[in-house]
Amino acid sequence: MFEIEFFDGGHIAVAGRLDAAQAVKAQALLDRAEGLCVLDLARLEYISSAGLGVLLKTHKRLMGSGNGIKLINVNHHIHDIFRYSGFDKLFEIVPATSDG
């Protein structure tokens, strides 16, 4: 399962598994994002290298207009993936207040 939901003000909620099977769908949806993109990852269960690539491509595109991606409600497991990959240095990351 994978879902993306758009809200006012550039907020986007991502849920499920962002892996190679969902990368094309995710990229097509995130290509609609403009301005500062705030991704709420509270319900993201898993992200693969293909998912990281989607976020990186979107971030680079948005940086071209002086914006980018901010990740919020990032659980411990997902945060570890960003840290191990070095992506924690690319994105502003706001951890979840609780992993429960």
C-alpha atoms as a PDB file:
ATOM      1  CA  MET A   1       0.000   0.000   0.000  1.00  0.00           C
ATOM      2  CA  PHE A   2       1.144   3.519  -0.801  1.00  0.00           C
ATOM      3  CA  GLU A   3      -0.776   6.786  -0.576  1.00  0.00           C
ATOM      4  CA  ILE A   4      -0.018  10.472  -1.076  1.00  0.00           C
ATOM      5  CA  GLU A   5      -2.481  13.130   0.028  1.00  0.00           C
ATOM      6  CA  PHE A   6      -2.113  16.823  -0.831  1.00  0.00           C
ATOM      7  CA  PHE A   7      -3.219  19.576   1.576  1.00  0.00           C
ATOM      8  CA  ASP A   8      -3.230  23.386   1.398  1.00  0.00           C
ATOM      9  CA  GLY A   9       0.035  25.231   1.930  1.00  0.00           C
ATOM     10  CA  GLY A  10       2.311  22.645   0.339  1.00  0.00           C
ATOM     11  CA  HIS A  11       1.700  19.960   2.964  1.00  0.00           C
ATOM     12  CA  ILE A  12       1.735  16.408   1.643  1.00  0.00           C
ATOM     13  CA  ALA A  13       1.078  13.265   3.709  1.00  0.00           C
ATOM     14  CA  VAL A  14       2.797  10.067   2.629  1.00  0.00           C
ATOM     15  CA  ALA A  15       1.682   6.657   3.918  1.00  0.00           C
ATOM     16  CA  GLY A  16       2.705   3.048   3.406  1.00  0.00           C
ATOM     17  CA  ARG A  17       5.770   1.806   1.573  1.00  0.00           C
ATOM     18  CA  LEU A  18       7.731   4.044  -0.789  1.00  0.00           C
ATOM     19  CA  ASP A  19       9.732   1.432  -2.674  1.00  0.00           C
ATOM     20  CA  ALA A  20      10.702   0.609  -6.255  1.00  0.00           C
ATOM     21  CA  ALA A  21       7.195  -0.648  -7.029  1.00  0.00           C
ATOM     22  CA  GLN A  22       5.735   2.741  -6.080  1.00  0.00           C
ATOM     23  CA  ALA A  23       8.530   5.067  -7.231  1.00  0.00           C
ATOM     24  CA  VAL A  24       7.000   5.996 -10.609  1.00  0.00           C
ATOM     25  CA  LYS A  25       3.604   6.742  -9.027  1.00  0.00           C
ATOM     26  CA  ALA A  26       5.233   8.742  -6.237  1.00  0.00           C
ATOM     27  CA  GLN A  27       7.351  10.760  -8.672  1.00  0.00           C
ATOM     28  CA  ALA A  28       4.344  11.570 -10.844  1.00  0.00           C
ATOM     29  CA  LEU A  29       2.446  12.840  -7.820  1.00  0.00           C
ATOM     30  CA  LEU A  30       5.367  14.769  -6.309  1.00  0.00           C
ATOM     31  CA  ASP A  31       6.037  16.407  -9.676  1.00  0.00           C
ATOM     32  CA  ARG A  32       2.866  18.416  -8.914  1.00  0.00           C
ATOM     33  CA  ALA A  33       4.430  19.929  -5.767  1.00  0.00           C
ATOM     34  CA  GLU A  34       5.485  23.561  -5.911  1.00  0.00           C
ATOM     35  CA  GLY A  35       7.117  25.969  -3.479  1.00  0.00           C
ATOM     36  CA  LEU A  36       8.184  24.705  -0.077  1.00  0.00           C
ATOM     37  CA  CYS A  37       7.058  21.090   0.147  1.00  0.00           C
ATOM     38  CA  VAL A  38       6.370  19.793   3.666  1.00  0.00           C
ATOM     39  CA  LEU A  39       6.162  15.999   3.644  1.00  0.00           C
ATOM     40  CA  ASP A  40       4.432  14.463   6.652  1.00  0.00           C
ATOM     41  CA  LEU A  41       5.943  10.997   7.052  1.00  0.00           C
ATOM     42  CA  ALA A  42       4.001   9.992  10.179  1.00  0.00           C
ATOM     43  CA  ARG A  43       2.436   7.032   8.357  1.00  0.00           C
ATOM     44  CA  LEU A  44       5.407   6.100   6.168  1.00  0.00           C
ATOM     45  CA  GLU A  45       6.362   2.511   7.041  1.00  0.00           C
ATOM     46  CA  TYR A  46       9.313   1.971   4.717  1.00  0.00           C
ATOM     47  CA  ILE A  47      11.436   3.813   2.159  1.00  0.00           C
ATOM     48  CA  SER A  48      13.859   2.138  -0.242  1.00  0.00           C
ATOM     49  CA  SER A  49      16.713   3.617  -2.247  1.00  0.00           C
ATOM     50  CA  ALA A  50      14.227   4.137  -5.091  1.00  0.00           C
ATOM     51  CA  GLY A  51      12.022   6.145  -2.711  1.00  0.00           C
ATOM     52  CA  LEU A  52      15.006   8.175  -1.586  1.00  0.00           C
ATOM     53  CA  GLY A  53      15.714   8.895  -5.252  1.00  0.00           C
ATOM     54  CA  VAL A  54      12.178  10.228  -5.717  1.00  0.00           C
ATOM     55  CA  LEU A  55      12.622  12.597  -2.776  1.00  0.00           C
ATOM     56  CA  LEU A  56      16.047  13.691  -4.009  1.00  0.00           C
ATOM     57  CA  LYS A  57      14.800  14.421  -7.536  1.00  0.00           C
ATOM     58  CA  THR A  58      11.857  16.409  -6.161  1.00  0.00           C
ATOM     59  CA  HIS A  59      14.086  18.287  -3.717  1.00  0.00           C
ATOM     60  CA  LYS A  60      16.559  19.241  -6.469  1.00  0.00           C
ATOM     61  CA  ARG A  61      13.733  20.466  -8.716  1.00  0.00           C
ATOM     62  CA  LEU A  62      12.263  22.594  -5.916  1.00  0.00           C
ATOM     63  CA  MET A  63      15.702  23.932  -4.922  1.00  0.00           C
ATOM     64  CA  GLY A  64      15.912  25.418  -8.416  1.00  0.00           C
ATOM     65  CA  SER A  65      13.216  27.889  -7.361  1.00  0.00           C
ATOM     66  CA  GLY A  66      14.734  28.513  -3.916  1.00  0.00           C
ATOM     67  CA  ASN A  67      12.552  26.027  -2.042  1.00  0.00           C
ATOM     68  CA  GLY A  68      12.913  22.353  -1.209  1.00  0.00           C
ATOM     69  CA  ILE A  69      11.498  19.581   0.943  1.00  0.00           C
ATOM     70  CA  LYS A  70      10.999  19.606   4.698  1.00  0.00           C
ATOM     71  CA  LEU A  71      10.270  16.231   6.310  1.00  0.00           C
ATOM     72  CA  ILE A  72       8.090  16.184   9.422  1.00  0.00           C
ATOM     73  CA  ASN A  73       6.868  13.493  11.841  1.00  0.00           C
ATOM     74  CA  VAL A  74       9.755  11.222  10.861  1.00  0.00           C
ATOM     75  CA  ASN A  75       9.772   8.068  12.996  1.00  0.00           C
ATOM     76  CA  HIS A  76      12.978   6.585  14.388  1.00  0.00           C
ATOM     77  CA  HIS A  77      13.272   3.816  11.771  1.00  0.00           C
ATOM     78  CA  ILE A  78      12.798   6.151   8.792  1.00  0.00           C
ATOM     79  CA  HIS A  79      15.140   8.712  10.362  1.00  0.00           C
ATOM     80  CA  ASP A  80      17.828   6.009  10.633  1.00  0.00           C
ATOM     81  CA  ILE A  81      17.495   5.328   6.891  1.00  0.00           C
ATOM     82  CA  PHE A  82      18.009   9.027   6.152  1.00  0.00           C
ATOM     83  CA  ARG A  83      20.973   9.154   8.530  1.00  0.00           C
ATOM     84  CA  TYR A  84      22.664   6.022   7.140  1.00  0.00           C
ATOM     85  CA  SER A  85      22.257   7.265   3.568  1.00  0.00           C
ATOM     86  CA  GLY A  86      23.516  10.778   4.404  1.00  0.00           C
ATOM     87  CA  PHE A  87      20.199  12.273   3.317  1.00  0.00           C
ATOM     88  CA  ASP A  88      19.784  13.815   6.761  1.00  0.00           C
ATOM     89  CA  LYS A  89      22.264  16.450   5.571  1.00  0.00           C
ATOM     90  CA  LEU A  90      20.120  17.290   2.520  1.00  0.00           C
ATOM     91  CA  PHE A  91      16.697  17.670   4.107  1.00  0.00           C
ATOM     92  CA  GLU A  92      15.352  19.540   7.099  1.00  0.00           C
ATOM     93  CA  ILE A  93      14.016  16.709   9.268  1.00  0.00           C
ATOM     94  CA  VAL A  94      11.623  17.101  12.187  1.00  0.00           C
ATOM     95  CA  PRO A  95      11.368  13.849  14.170  1.00  0.00           C
ATOM     96  CA  ALA A  96       8.056  12.462  15.366  1.00  0.00           C
ATOM     97  CA  THR A  97       7.376  13.326  18.994  1.00  0.00           C
ATOM     98  CA  SER A  98       6.652   9.655  19.704  1.00  0.00           C
ATOM     99  CA  ASP A  99       7.160   6.428  17.794  1.00  0.00           C
ATOM    100  CA  GLY A 100       4.036   4.887  19.322  1.00  0.00           C
END
